[in-house]
């Protein structure tokens, strides 16, 4: 997953646009972008649209449900699981236990819909509450459904009373840098993908591109988008370059040719096992992006 595009679940026009945006994942949103009085209508719109347009997109389809504390999650799942989404995004996840609770609910709904057990993945947003951020380590081993971990700043701002997540220069302040770094570490501990949060100002493409590059540098493998124009920028930033693929392939091949020792030399430079692991990860990303690796 490189690009994950949010689309309001109550707008057929925006759903149509989102399904044609060439994102790796389209996230049909039933949460923040849908008004409280429009939740039931949004479920019907989203379910009907997915059922009627699934074959028209190559994107995976995830649904962001309302969080477990709202009492709306079961109704969301009852309406959307029958149209076979690839995954569920869980907002305001407080720990791996919330993922396990959602997994149990999904198992019931999959059975009722005649779907394979465990087929629907889960992508939790793990930093939207203070307790969620502090419990980041609990996701390792929580569920085989976990597709990755992602984070959010806006709800965390409200939860802790922060007036802004960024300083005057546009950089995240300390608490939010901690949330970002914790997400990368938690995903690494769980051996799943780390997905970076949204960049709200979709008109500032230069700053957005810079943030994508920083995220890829630091270990994120994808980023969420709020506008279709952000998708190609994300895909470009998180797709390994031909040079990086060639270099990684050379490292992997050198270790294999030498019988997988602790260290190999390539063109006068030494590479050890962490370099091999990095090379293998990059090649896996390249294959996922459809590149020859």
C-alpha atoms as a PDB file:
ATOM      1  CA  UNK A   1       0.000   0.000   0.000  1.00  0.00           C
ATOM      2  CA  UNK A   2       1.540   3.245  -1.178  1.00  0.00           C
ATOM      3  CA  UNK A   3      -1.435   5.578  -1.655  1.00  0.00           C
ATOM      4  CA  UNK A   4      -4.623   5.381   0.405  1.00  0.00           C
ATOM      5  CA  UNK A   5      -7.305   7.871  -0.660  1.00  0.00           C
ATOM      6  CA  UNK A   6     -10.156   8.932   1.631  1.00  0.00           C
ATOM      7  CA  UNK A   7     -13.548   9.351  -0.068  1.00  0.00           C
ATOM      8  CA  UNK A   8     -16.769  10.396   1.741  1.00  0.00           C
ATOM      9  CA  UNK A   9     -19.142   7.460   1.789  1.00  0.00           C
ATOM     10  CA  UNK A  10     -22.267   9.581   1.337  1.00  0.00           C
ATOM     11  CA  UNK A  11     -21.357  11.146  -2.024  1.00  0.00           C
ATOM     12  CA  UNK A  12     -21.696   9.120  -5.223  1.00  0.00           C
ATOM     13  CA  UNK A  13     -19.934  11.874  -7.155  1.00  0.00           C
ATOM     14  CA  UNK A  14     -16.885  11.791  -4.893  1.00  0.00           C
ATOM     15  CA  UNK A  15     -16.915   8.006  -4.769  1.00  0.00           C
ATOM     16  CA  UNK A  16     -16.876   7.925  -8.575  1.00  0.00           C
ATOM     17  CA  UNK A  17     -13.914  10.288  -8.626  1.00  0.00           C
ATOM     18  CA  UNK A  18     -12.070   8.377  -5.909  1.00  0.00           C
ATOM     19  CA  UNK A  19     -12.519   5.000  -7.572  1.00  0.00           C
ATOM     20  CA  UNK A  20     -10.879   6.389 -10.700  1.00  0.00           C
ATOM     21  CA  UNK A  21      -7.910   8.029  -8.966  1.00  0.00           C
ATOM     22  CA  UNK A  22      -5.483   5.085  -9.324  1.00  0.00           C
ATOM     23  CA  UNK A  23      -4.872   4.872  -5.575  1.00  0.00           C
ATOM     24  CA  UNK A  24      -3.645   1.563  -4.208  1.00  0.00           C
ATOM     25  CA  UNK A  25      -6.459   1.724  -1.671  1.00  0.00           C
ATOM     26  CA  UNK A  26      -9.709   3.687  -1.679  1.00  0.00           C
ATOM     27  CA  UNK A  27     -10.955   4.297   1.861  1.00  0.00           C
ATOM     28  CA  UNK A  28     -14.725   4.753   1.826  1.00  0.00           C
ATOM     29  CA  UNK A  29     -15.317   6.934   4.858  1.00  0.00           C
ATOM     30  CA  UNK A  30     -18.325   6.525   7.143  1.00  0.00           C
ATOM     31  CA  UNK A  31     -16.745   8.445  10.019  1.00  0.00           C
ATOM     32  CA  UNK A  32     -15.481  12.039  10.064  1.00  0.00           C
ATOM     33  CA  UNK A  33     -16.646  13.107   6.606  1.00  0.00           C
ATOM     34  CA  UNK A  34     -20.240  11.995   7.257  1.00  0.00           C
ATOM     35  CA  UNK A  35     -22.556  14.079   9.460  1.00  0.00           C
ATOM     36  CA  UNK A  36     -24.144  12.339  12.436  1.00  0.00           C
ATOM     37  CA  UNK A  37     -27.624  12.551  10.941  1.00  0.00           C
ATOM     38  CA  UNK A  38     -26.479  11.072   7.631  1.00  0.00           C
ATOM     39  CA  UNK A  39     -24.800   7.879   8.846  1.00  0.00           C
ATOM     40  CA  UNK A  40     -27.609   5.489   7.867  1.00  0.00           C
ATOM     41  CA  UNK A  41     -27.944   7.029   4.400  1.00  0.00           C
ATOM     42  CA  UNK A  42     -24.174   6.919   3.929  1.00  0.00           C
ATOM     43  CA  UNK A  43     -24.097   3.179   4.634  1.00  0.00           C
ATOM     44  CA  UNK A  44     -26.635   2.568   1.873  1.00  0.00           C
ATOM     45  CA  UNK A  45     -24.900   4.870  -0.602  1.00  0.00           C
ATOM     46  CA  UNK A  46     -21.497   3.332   0.094  1.00  0.00           C
ATOM     47  CA  UNK A  47     -22.699  -0.281  -0.026  1.00  0.00           C
ATOM     48  CA  UNK A  48     -24.624   0.221  -3.262  1.00  0.00           C
ATOM     49  CA  UNK A  49     -21.749   2.048  -4.897  1.00  0.00           C
ATOM     50  CA  UNK A  50     -19.159  -0.573  -3.946  1.00  0.00           C
ATOM     51  CA  UNK A  51     -21.429  -3.387  -5.122  1.00  0.00           C
ATOM     52  CA  UNK A  52     -22.035  -1.684  -8.458  1.00  0.00           C
ATOM     53  CA  UNK A  53     -18.541  -0.380  -9.183  1.00  0.00           C
ATOM     54  CA  UNK A  54     -16.135  -2.880  -7.676  1.00  0.00           C
ATOM     55  CA  UNK A  55     -15.145  -4.299 -11.057  1.00  0.00           C
ATOM     56  CA  UNK A  56     -14.373  -0.813 -12.376  1.00  0.00           C
ATOM     57  CA  UNK A  57     -11.378  -0.154 -10.115  1.00  0.00           C
ATOM     58  CA  UNK A  58      -8.057  -1.857  -9.555  1.00  0.00           C
ATOM     59  CA  UNK A  59      -7.834  -0.275  -6.101  1.00  0.00           C
ATOM     60  CA  UNK A  60      -8.344  -2.269  -2.934  1.00  0.00           C
ATOM     61  CA  UNK A  61     -11.424  -1.056  -1.069  1.00  0.00           C
ATOM     62  CA  UNK A  62     -11.334  -0.318   2.641  1.00  0.00           C
ATOM     63  CA  UNK A  63     -14.133   1.156   4.738  1.00  0.00           C
ATOM     64  CA  UNK A  64     -13.462   3.490   7.646  1.00  0.00           C
ATOM     65  CA  UNK A  65     -16.164   2.606  10.148  1.00  0.00           C
ATOM     66  CA  UNK A  66     -17.171   4.625  13.175  1.00  0.00           C
ATOM     67  CA  UNK A  67     -15.067   3.820  16.220  1.00  0.00           C
ATOM     68  CA  UNK A  68     -16.018   1.179  18.753  1.00  0.00           C
ATOM     69  CA  UNK A  69     -17.087   3.702  21.420  1.00  0.00           C
ATOM     70  CA  UNK A  70     -19.846   5.199  19.224  1.00  0.00           C
ATOM     71  CA  UNK A  71     -22.159   2.196  19.139  1.00  0.00           C
ATOM     72  CA  UNK A  72     -22.301   2.548  15.340  1.00  0.00           C
ATOM     73  CA  UNK A  73     -19.654   0.014  14.356  1.00  0.00           C
ATOM     74  CA  UNK A  74     -21.978  -3.005  14.199  1.00  0.00           C
ATOM     75  CA  UNK A  75     -24.416  -1.195  11.902  1.00  0.00           C
ATOM     76  CA  UNK A  76     -21.511  -0.131   9.671  1.00  0.00           C
ATOM     77  CA  UNK A  77     -20.257  -3.703   9.432  1.00  0.00           C
ATOM     78  CA  UNK A  78     -23.723  -5.153   8.847  1.00  0.00           C
ATOM     79  CA  UNK A  79     -24.201  -2.836   5.872  1.00  0.00           C
ATOM     80  CA  UNK A  80     -20.728  -3.019   4.326  1.00  0.00           C
ATOM     81  CA  UNK A  81     -19.322  -6.513   4.961  1.00  0.00           C
ATOM     82  CA  UNK A  82     -21.813  -8.119   2.517  1.00  0.00           C
ATOM     83  CA  UNK A  83     -20.272  -6.097  -0.362  1.00  0.00           C
ATOM     84  CA  UNK A  84     -16.882  -7.676   0.390  1.00  0.00           C
ATOM     85  CA  UNK A  85     -14.504  -4.827   1.241  1.00  0.00           C
ATOM     86  CA  UNK A  86     -10.839  -5.755   1.315  1.00  0.00           C
ATOM     87  CA  UNK A  87     -10.367  -4.159   4.694  1.00  0.00           C
ATOM     88  CA  UNK A  88     -11.743  -2.067   7.538  1.00  0.00           C
ATOM     89  CA  UNK A  89     -10.038   1.041   8.868  1.00  0.00           C
ATOM     90  CA  UNK A  90     -10.580   1.347  12.617  1.00  0.00           C
ATOM     91  CA  UNK A  91     -10.375   4.929  13.900  1.00  0.00           C
ATOM     92  CA  UNK A  92      -9.510   5.871  17.487  1.00  0.00           C
ATOM     93  CA  UNK A  93      -8.103   2.430  18.213  1.00  0.00           C
ATOM     94  CA  UNK A  94      -6.943   2.325  21.827  1.00  0.00           C
ATOM     95  CA  UNK A  95      -4.901  -0.907  21.729  1.00  0.00           C
ATOM     96  CA  UNK A  96      -4.448  -4.276  20.119  1.00  0.00           C
ATOM     97  CA  UNK A  97      -7.470  -5.367  22.136  1.00  0.00           C
ATOM     98  CA  UNK A  98      -9.669  -3.075  20.030  1.00  0.00           C
ATOM     99  CA  UNK A  99      -8.341  -4.804  16.912  1.00  0.00           C
ATOM    100  CA  UNK A 100      -9.180  -8.170  18.456  1.00  0.00           C
ATOM    101  CA  UNK A 101     -12.694  -6.945  19.255  1.00  0.00           C
ATOM    102  CA  UNK A 102     -13.185  -5.776  15.680  1.00  0.00           C
ATOM    103  CA  UNK A 103     -11.742  -9.048  14.371  1.00  0.00           C
ATOM    104  CA  UNK A 104     -14.314 -10.982  16.396  1.00  0.00           C
ATOM    105  CA  UNK A 105     -17.115  -8.854  14.975  1.00  0.00           C
ATOM    106  CA  UNK A 106     -15.801  -9.349  11.448  1.00  0.00           C
ATOM    107  CA  UNK A 107     -15.701 -13.098  11.910  1.00  0.00           C
ATOM    108  CA  UNK A 108     -19.425 -13.113  12.686  1.00  0.00           C
ATOM    109  CA  UNK A 109     -20.318 -10.820   9.788  1.00  0.00           C
ATOM    110  CA  UNK A 110     -18.137 -12.809   7.365  1.00  0.00           C
ATOM    111  CA  UNK A 111     -19.893 -16.009   8.381  1.00  0.00           C
ATOM    112  CA  UNK A 112     -23.315 -14.424   7.993  1.00  0.00           C
ATOM    113  CA  UNK A 113     -22.346 -13.150   4.521  1.00  0.00           C
ATOM    114  CA  UNK A 114     -20.809 -16.448   3.405  1.00  0.00           C
ATOM    115  CA  UNK A 115     -17.326 -14.947   3.170  1.00  0.00           C
ATOM    116  CA  UNK A 116     -14.034 -16.672   4.035  1.00  0.00           C
ATOM    117  CA  UNK A 117     -13.015 -16.369   7.664  1.00  0.00           C
ATOM    118  CA  UNK A 118     -10.256 -13.785   8.069  1.00  0.00           C
ATOM    119  CA  UNK A 119     -10.432 -12.409   4.555  1.00  0.00           C
ATOM    120  CA  UNK A 120     -11.146  -8.806   5.558  1.00  0.00           C
ATOM    121  CA  UNK A 121      -8.064  -6.985   6.838  1.00  0.00           C
ATOM    122  CA  UNK A 122      -7.845  -4.316   9.542  1.00  0.00           C
ATOM    123  CA  UNK A 123      -5.924  -1.032   9.425  1.00  0.00           C
ATOM    124  CA  UNK A 124      -6.158   0.776  12.786  1.00  0.00           C
ATOM    125  CA  UNK A 125      -5.418   4.445  13.410  1.00  0.00           C
ATOM    126  CA  UNK A 126      -3.440   4.114  16.627  1.00  0.00           C
ATOM    127  CA  UNK A 127      -2.686   7.662  17.833  1.00  0.00           C
ATOM    128  CA  UNK A 128      -6.033   9.465  17.869  1.00  0.00           C
ATOM    129  CA  UNK A 129      -6.327   9.069  21.637  1.00  0.00           C
ATOM    130  CA  UNK A 130      -3.690   9.467  24.320  1.00  0.00           C
ATOM    131  CA  UNK A 131      -4.259   5.912  25.534  1.00  0.00           C
ATOM    132  CA  UNK A 132      -3.945   4.608  21.977  1.00  0.00           C
ATOM    133  CA  UNK A 133      -0.565   6.251  21.517  1.00  0.00           C
ATOM    134  CA  UNK A 134       0.706   4.888  24.830  1.00  0.00           C
ATOM    135  CA  UNK A 135      -0.452   1.354  23.917  1.00  0.00           C
ATOM    136  CA  UNK A 136       1.255   1.222  20.526  1.00  0.00           C
ATOM    137  CA  UNK A 137       3.346  -1.833  21.425  1.00  0.00           C
ATOM    138  CA  UNK A 138       0.190  -3.904  21.999  1.00  0.00           C
ATOM    139  CA  UNK A 139      -0.455  -4.378  18.271  1.00  0.00           C
ATOM    140  CA  UNK A 140       2.350  -6.880  17.741  1.00  0.00           C
ATOM    141  CA  UNK A 141       0.659 -10.270  17.455  1.00  0.00           C
ATOM    142  CA  UNK A 142      -2.822  -8.845  18.052  1.00  0.00           C
ATOM    143  CA  UNK A 143      -4.412 -10.304  14.911  1.00  0.00           C
ATOM    144  CA  UNK A 144      -3.487 -11.953  11.637  1.00  0.00           C
ATOM    145  CA  UNK A 145      -5.884  -9.480   9.997  1.00  0.00           C
ATOM    146  CA  UNK A 146      -3.573  -6.521  10.595  1.00  0.00           C
ATOM    147  CA  UNK A 147      -2.588  -4.971   7.268  1.00  0.00           C
ATOM    148  CA  UNK A 148      -0.571  -2.146   8.797  1.00  0.00           C
ATOM    149  CA  UNK A 149      -0.680   0.690  11.304  1.00  0.00           C
ATOM    150  CA  UNK A 150      -1.340   4.344  10.689  1.00  0.00           C
ATOM    151  CA  UNK A 151      -1.633   7.486  12.773  1.00  0.00           C
ATOM    152  CA  UNK A 152      -3.563  10.733  12.940  1.00  0.00           C
ATOM    153  CA  UNK A 153      -2.924  14.174  14.381  1.00  0.00           C
ATOM    154  CA  UNK A 154      -6.257  16.012  14.328  1.00  0.00           C
ATOM    155  CA  UNK A 155      -8.157  13.843  16.796  1.00  0.00           C
ATOM    156  CA  UNK A 156      -5.092  13.619  19.039  1.00  0.00           C
ATOM    157  CA  UNK A 157      -4.969  17.436  19.108  1.00  0.00           C
ATOM    158  CA  UNK A 158      -8.529  17.482  20.403  1.00  0.00           C
ATOM    159  CA  UNK A 159      -7.870  14.685  22.882  1.00  0.00           C
ATOM    160  CA  UNK A 160      -4.933  16.424  24.557  1.00  0.00           C
ATOM    161  CA  UNK A 161      -5.995  20.050  24.077  1.00  0.00           C
ATOM    162  CA  UNK A 162      -3.233  21.039  21.650  1.00  0.00           C
ATOM    163  CA  UNK A 163      -4.078  24.188  19.677  1.00  0.00           C
ATOM    164  CA  UNK A 164      -2.072  22.968  16.702  1.00  0.00           C
ATOM    165  CA  UNK A 165      -0.136  19.882  15.672  1.00  0.00           C
ATOM    166  CA  UNK A 166       2.431  21.970  13.767  1.00  0.00           C
ATOM    167  CA  UNK A 167       4.633  24.938  14.594  1.00  0.00           C
ATOM    168  CA  UNK A 168       4.996  28.191  12.660  1.00  0.00           C
ATOM    169  CA  UNK A 169       7.319  26.563  10.120  1.00  0.00           C
ATOM    170  CA  UNK A 170       4.866  23.748   9.413  1.00  0.00           C
ATOM    171  CA  UNK A 171       6.813  21.080  11.311  1.00  0.00           C
ATOM    172  CA  UNK A 172       5.077  18.771  13.771  1.00  0.00           C
ATOM    173  CA  UNK A 173       5.529  19.710  17.413  1.00  0.00           C
ATOM    174  CA  UNK A 174       7.092  17.255  19.871  1.00  0.00           C
ATOM    175  CA  UNK A 175       3.968  15.312  20.848  1.00  0.00           C
ATOM    176  CA  UNK A 176       3.042  14.690  17.227  1.00  0.00           C
ATOM    177  CA  UNK A 177       6.571  13.787  16.205  1.00  0.00           C
ATOM    178  CA  UNK A 178       6.393  11.232  19.009  1.00  0.00           C
ATOM    179  CA  UNK A 179       3.117   9.866  17.616  1.00  0.00           C
ATOM    180  CA  UNK A 180       4.628   9.622  14.140  1.00  0.00           C
ATOM    181  CA  UNK A 181       7.800   7.882  15.333  1.00  0.00           C
ATOM    182  CA  UNK A 182       5.865   5.552  17.611  1.00  0.00           C
ATOM    183  CA  UNK A 183       3.753   4.393  14.673  1.00  0.00           C
ATOM    184  CA  UNK A 184       6.866   3.450  12.693  1.00  0.00           C
ATOM    185  CA  UNK A 185       8.301   1.567  15.668  1.00  0.00           C
ATOM    186  CA  UNK A 186       5.032  -0.204  16.476  1.00  0.00           C
ATOM    187  CA  UNK A 187       4.646  -1.303  12.852  1.00  0.00           C
ATOM    188  CA  UNK A 188       8.231  -2.531  12.838  1.00  0.00           C
ATOM    189  CA  UNK A 189       7.654  -4.506  16.027  1.00  0.00           C
ATOM    190  CA  UNK A 190       4.537  -6.075  14.497  1.00  0.00           C
ATOM    191  CA  UNK A 191       6.317  -6.636  11.142  1.00  0.00           C
ATOM    192  CA  UNK A 192       3.592  -4.864   9.181  1.00  0.00           C
ATOM    193  CA  UNK A 193       3.385  -1.724   7.060  1.00  0.00           C
ATOM    194  CA  UNK A 194       3.637   1.772   8.526  1.00  0.00           C
ATOM    195  CA  UNK A 195       1.321   4.231   6.756  1.00  0.00           C
ATOM    196  CA  UNK A 196       1.823   7.978   7.179  1.00  0.00           C
ATOM    197  CA  UNK A 197      -1.060  10.301   7.984  1.00  0.00           C
ATOM    198  CA  UNK A 198      -2.757  12.838   5.724  1.00  0.00           C
ATOM    199  CA  UNK A 199      -1.411  16.242   4.678  1.00  0.00           C
ATOM    200  CA  UNK A 200      -4.450  18.545   4.992  1.00  0.00           C
ATOM    201  CA  UNK A 201      -3.415  21.379   2.644  1.00  0.00           C
ATOM    202  CA  UNK A 202      -3.853  19.680  -0.712  1.00  0.00           C
ATOM    203  CA  UNK A 203      -3.048  22.923  -2.562  1.00  0.00           C
ATOM    204  CA  UNK A 204       0.503  23.091  -1.195  1.00  0.00           C
ATOM    205  CA  UNK A 205       1.939  20.345  -3.357  1.00  0.00           C
ATOM    206  CA  UNK A 206       5.581  21.312  -2.763  1.00  0.00           C
ATOM    207  CA  UNK A 207       5.256  20.871   0.998  1.00  0.00           C
ATOM    208  CA  UNK A 208       3.253  17.704   0.466  1.00  0.00           C
ATOM    209  CA  UNK A 209       5.911  16.215  -1.799  1.00  0.00           C
ATOM    210  CA  UNK A 210       8.600  17.061   0.761  1.00  0.00           C
ATOM    211  CA  UNK A 211       6.598  15.361   3.530  1.00  0.00           C
ATOM    212  CA  UNK A 212       6.187  12.262   1.337  1.00  0.00           C
ATOM    213  CA  UNK A 213       9.932  12.077   0.785  1.00  0.00           C
ATOM    214  CA  UNK A 214      10.610  12.409   4.522  1.00  0.00           C
ATOM    215  CA  UNK A 215       8.066   9.711   5.326  1.00  0.00           C
ATOM    216  CA  UNK A 216       9.614   7.262   2.853  1.00  0.00           C
ATOM    217  CA  UNK A 217      13.092   8.054   4.175  1.00  0.00           C
ATOM    218  CA  UNK A 218      12.036   7.342   7.744  1.00  0.00           C
ATOM    219  CA  UNK A 219      10.421   3.955   7.105  1.00  0.00           C
ATOM    220  CA  UNK A 220       6.814   4.573   6.113  1.00  0.00           C
ATOM    221  CA  UNK A 221       5.768   2.517   3.105  1.00  0.00           C
ATOM    222  CA  UNK A 222       2.716   4.590   2.146  1.00  0.00           C
ATOM    223  CA  UNK A 223       0.683   7.683   2.917  1.00  0.00           C
ATOM    224  CA  UNK A 224      -2.978   8.601   3.129  1.00  0.00           C
ATOM    225  CA  UNK A 225      -4.493  11.210   0.795  1.00  0.00           C
ATOM    226  CA  UNK A 226      -7.512  13.486   1.078  1.00  0.00           C
ATOM    227  CA  UNK A 227      -7.599  14.546  -2.595  1.00  0.00           C
ATOM    228  CA  UNK A 228      -7.079  12.604  -5.839  1.00  0.00           C
ATOM    229  CA  UNK A 229      -4.355  15.082  -6.894  1.00  0.00           C
ATOM    230  CA  UNK A 230      -2.189  13.799  -4.036  1.00  0.00           C
ATOM    231  CA  UNK A 231      -2.244  10.185  -5.254  1.00  0.00           C
ATOM    232  CA  UNK A 232       0.360  10.401  -8.053  1.00  0.00           C
ATOM    233  CA  UNK A 233       2.733  12.306  -5.762  1.00  0.00           C
ATOM    234  CA  UNK A 234       2.449   9.561  -3.137  1.00  0.00           C
ATOM    235  CA  UNK A 235       2.883   6.776  -5.681  1.00  0.00           C
ATOM    236  CA  UNK A 236       6.014   8.419  -7.062  1.00  0.00           C
ATOM    237  CA  UNK A 237       7.548   9.013  -3.632  1.00  0.00           C
ATOM    238  CA  UNK A 238       6.944   5.498  -2.327  1.00  0.00           C
ATOM    239  CA  UNK A 239       7.868   3.577  -5.480  1.00  0.00           C
ATOM    240  CA  UNK A 240      11.536   2.517  -5.329  1.00  0.00           C
ATOM    241  CA  UNK A 241      13.687   4.005  -8.073  1.00  0.00           C
ATOM    242  CA  UNK A 242      15.294   1.721 -10.689  1.00  0.00           C
ATOM    243  CA  UNK A 243      18.683   2.587  -9.176  1.00  0.00           C
ATOM    244  CA  UNK A 244      17.556   1.588  -5.680  1.00  0.00           C
ATOM    245  CA  UNK A 245      16.104  -1.673  -7.017  1.00  0.00           C
ATOM    246  CA  UNK A 246      19.317  -2.476  -8.878  1.00  0.00           C
ATOM    247  CA  UNK A 247      21.458  -1.741  -5.818  1.00  0.00           C
ATOM    248  CA  UNK A 248      19.242  -3.845  -3.563  1.00  0.00           C
ATOM    249  CA  UNK A 249      19.231  -6.733  -6.025  1.00  0.00           C
ATOM    250  CA  UNK A 250      23.046  -6.623  -6.107  1.00  0.00           C
ATOM    251  CA  UNK A 251      23.199  -6.842  -2.309  1.00  0.00           C
ATOM    252  CA  UNK A 252      20.767  -9.769  -2.143  1.00  0.00           C
ATOM    253  CA  UNK A 253      22.572 -11.605  -4.942  1.00  0.00           C
ATOM    254  CA  UNK A 254      25.979 -11.054  -3.321  1.00  0.00           C
ATOM    255  CA  UNK A 255      24.826 -12.561  -0.036  1.00  0.00           C
ATOM    256  CA  UNK A 256      23.276 -15.531  -1.832  1.00  0.00           C
ATOM    257  CA  UNK A 257      26.394 -16.147  -3.932  1.00  0.00           C
ATOM    258  CA  UNK A 258      28.594 -16.045  -0.835  1.00  0.00           C
ATOM    259  CA  UNK A 259      26.431 -18.540   1.072  1.00  0.00           C
ATOM    260  CA  UNK A 260      24.663 -15.923   3.202  1.00  0.00           C
ATOM    261  CA  UNK A 261      27.607 -14.884   5.399  1.00  0.00           C
ATOM    262  CA  UNK A 262      27.568 -12.075   7.946  1.00  0.00           C
ATOM    263  CA  UNK A 263      29.283  -9.587   5.650  1.00  0.00           C
ATOM    264  CA  UNK A 264      29.921  -9.222   1.908  1.00  0.00           C
ATOM    265  CA  UNK A 265      31.962  -6.762  -0.118  1.00  0.00           C
ATOM    266  CA  UNK A 266      30.624  -5.040  -3.235  1.00  0.00           C
ATOM    267  CA  UNK A 267      32.827  -2.627  -5.187  1.00  0.00           C
ATOM    268  CA  UNK A 268      35.055  -2.034  -2.194  1.00  0.00           C
ATOM    269  CA  UNK A 269      32.208  -1.388   0.268  1.00  0.00           C
ATOM    270  CA  UNK A 270      31.165  -3.738   3.081  1.00  0.00           C
ATOM    271  CA  UNK A 271      27.541  -4.723   3.625  1.00  0.00           C
ATOM    272  CA  UNK A 272      26.265  -6.598   6.702  1.00  0.00           C
ATOM    273  CA  UNK A 273      23.000  -8.339   7.573  1.00  0.00           C
ATOM    274  CA  UNK A 274      21.014  -5.140   8.302  1.00  0.00           C
ATOM    275  CA  UNK A 275      21.865  -3.970   4.782  1.00  0.00           C
ATOM    276  CA  UNK A 276      20.549  -7.283   3.459  1.00  0.00           C
ATOM    277  CA  UNK A 277      17.307  -6.877   5.379  1.00  0.00           C
ATOM    278  CA  UNK A 278      16.868  -3.338   4.040  1.00  0.00           C
ATOM    279  CA  UNK A 279      17.512  -4.553   0.499  1.00  0.00           C
ATOM    280  CA  UNK A 280      14.958  -7.353   0.867  1.00  0.00           C
ATOM    281  CA  UNK A 281      12.356  -4.919   2.164  1.00  0.00           C
ATOM    282  CA  UNK A 282      12.916  -2.528  -0.736  1.00  0.00           C
ATOM    283  CA  UNK A 283      12.621  -5.333  -3.270  1.00  0.00           C
ATOM    284  CA  UNK A 284       9.360  -6.446  -1.646  1.00  0.00           C
ATOM    285  CA  UNK A 285       8.038  -2.888  -1.992  1.00  0.00           C
ATOM    286  CA  UNK A 286       9.117  -2.834  -5.615  1.00  0.00           C
ATOM    287  CA  UNK A 287       7.270  -6.072  -6.356  1.00  0.00           C
ATOM    288  CA  UNK A 288       4.144  -4.736  -4.621  1.00  0.00           C
ATOM    289  CA  UNK A 289       4.348  -1.658  -6.844  1.00  0.00           C
ATOM    290  CA  UNK A 290       4.439  -3.876  -9.925  1.00  0.00           C
ATOM    291  CA  UNK A 291       8.126  -3.399 -10.701  1.00  0.00           C
ATOM    292  CA  UNK A 292      10.432  -6.171 -11.809  1.00  0.00           C
ATOM    293  CA  UNK A 293      12.529  -6.964  -8.735  1.00  0.00           C
END
